[in-house]
Amino acid sequence: FTLPSGDDGQEVTVIVGSTASAAVSILTGAGVTLGATSISLDAANSSVTLRCFSDKWYVVSSHAATIQ
């Protein structure tokens, strides 16, 4: 999943469906940064919620995710 640029305060939640067979990586688009080195949703029903501030996405919450 590639994050677009966002407006300050905008939130996005990414949820992996119950039939996922591989991890989902969170990537950044051009001109966008992530407040972590990497995020991977590792299993079915895992999720991460991100909030944007100054074109940087920060992790607000997660479940069954690897955040580095």
Protein backbone atom coordinates (compact mmCIF):
# COMPACT_ATOMS: atom_id res chain seq x y z
CA PHE A 1 0.00 0.00 0.00
CA THR A 2 1.45 3.40 -0.99
CA LEU A 3 0.61 6.43 1.14
CA PRO A 4 -0.31 9.59 -0.76
CA SER A 5 0.41 13.08 0.49
CA GLY A 6 -2.25 14.12 2.98
CA ASP A 7 -3.67 17.13 4.74
CA ASP A 8 -2.78 17.89 8.35
CA GLY A 9 -4.93 15.76 10.66
CA GLN A 10 -6.02 13.33 7.94
CA GLU A 11 -6.11 9.70 9.06
CA VAL A 12 -5.99 6.45 7.12
CA THR A 13 -6.52 2.92 8.42
CA VAL A 14 -5.18 -0.04 6.46
CA ILE A 15 -6.68 -3.44 7.32
CA VAL A 16 -5.53 -6.77 5.90
CA GLY A 17 -8.48 -9.00 4.99
CA SER A 18 -9.08 -12.34 6.64
CA THR A 19 -7.82 -14.28 3.60
CA ALA A 20 -4.41 -12.59 3.31
CA SER A 21 -1.61 -14.96 2.38
CA ALA A 22 1.33 -12.53 2.51
CA ALA A 23 2.46 -9.50 4.50
CA VAL A 24 1.44 -6.04 3.29
CA SER A 25 4.10 -3.30 3.33
CA ILE A 26 3.26 0.36 3.81
CA LEU A 27 5.24 2.52 1.37
CA THR A 28 5.39 6.28 0.74
CA GLY A 29 4.66 8.20 -2.45
CA ALA A 30 6.75 11.05 -3.86
CA GLY A 31 7.29 13.89 -1.38
CA VAL A 32 5.78 11.92 1.50
CA THR A 33 7.62 10.53 4.53
CA LEU A 34 6.76 8.00 7.20
CA GLY A 35 7.43 8.47 10.91
CA ALA A 36 8.94 4.96 11.05
CA THR A 37 11.59 3.10 9.08
CA SER A 38 9.13 0.45 7.90
CA ILE A 39 5.64 -0.92 8.57
CA SER A 40 4.50 -4.41 7.68
CA LEU A 41 1.05 -5.88 8.30
CA ASP A 42 1.97 -9.47 9.00
CA ALA A 43 -1.20 -11.52 9.21
CA ALA A 44 -4.87 -11.71 8.39
CA ASN A 45 -6.91 -9.08 10.27
CA SER A 46 -3.85 -6.94 11.10
CA SER A 47 -4.16 -3.16 10.84
CA VAL A 48 -2.42 0.18 11.23
CA THR A 49 -3.86 3.68 11.59
CA LEU A 50 -1.72 6.60 10.44
CA ARG A 51 -2.20 10.38 10.86
CA CYS A 52 -0.63 12.98 8.57
CA PHE A 53 1.11 16.15 9.73
CA SER A 54 3.24 18.25 7.35
CA ASP A 55 3.30 15.44 4.72
CA LYS A 56 4.68 12.98 7.28
CA TRP A 57 2.55 10.00 8.33
CA TYR A 58 2.74 8.94 11.99
CA VAL A 59 1.53 5.67 13.53
CA VAL A 60 -1.47 6.25 15.80
CA SER A 61 -2.35 2.60 16.47
CA SER A 62 -1.66 -0.90 15.18
CA HIS A 63 -2.60 -4.56 15.59
CA ALA A 64 -0.44 -7.51 14.48
CA ALA A 65 1.98 -5.20 12.65
CA THR A 66 5.76 -4.92 12.63
CA ILE A 67 6.87 -1.29 13.01
CA GLN A 68 10.53 -0.38 12.90
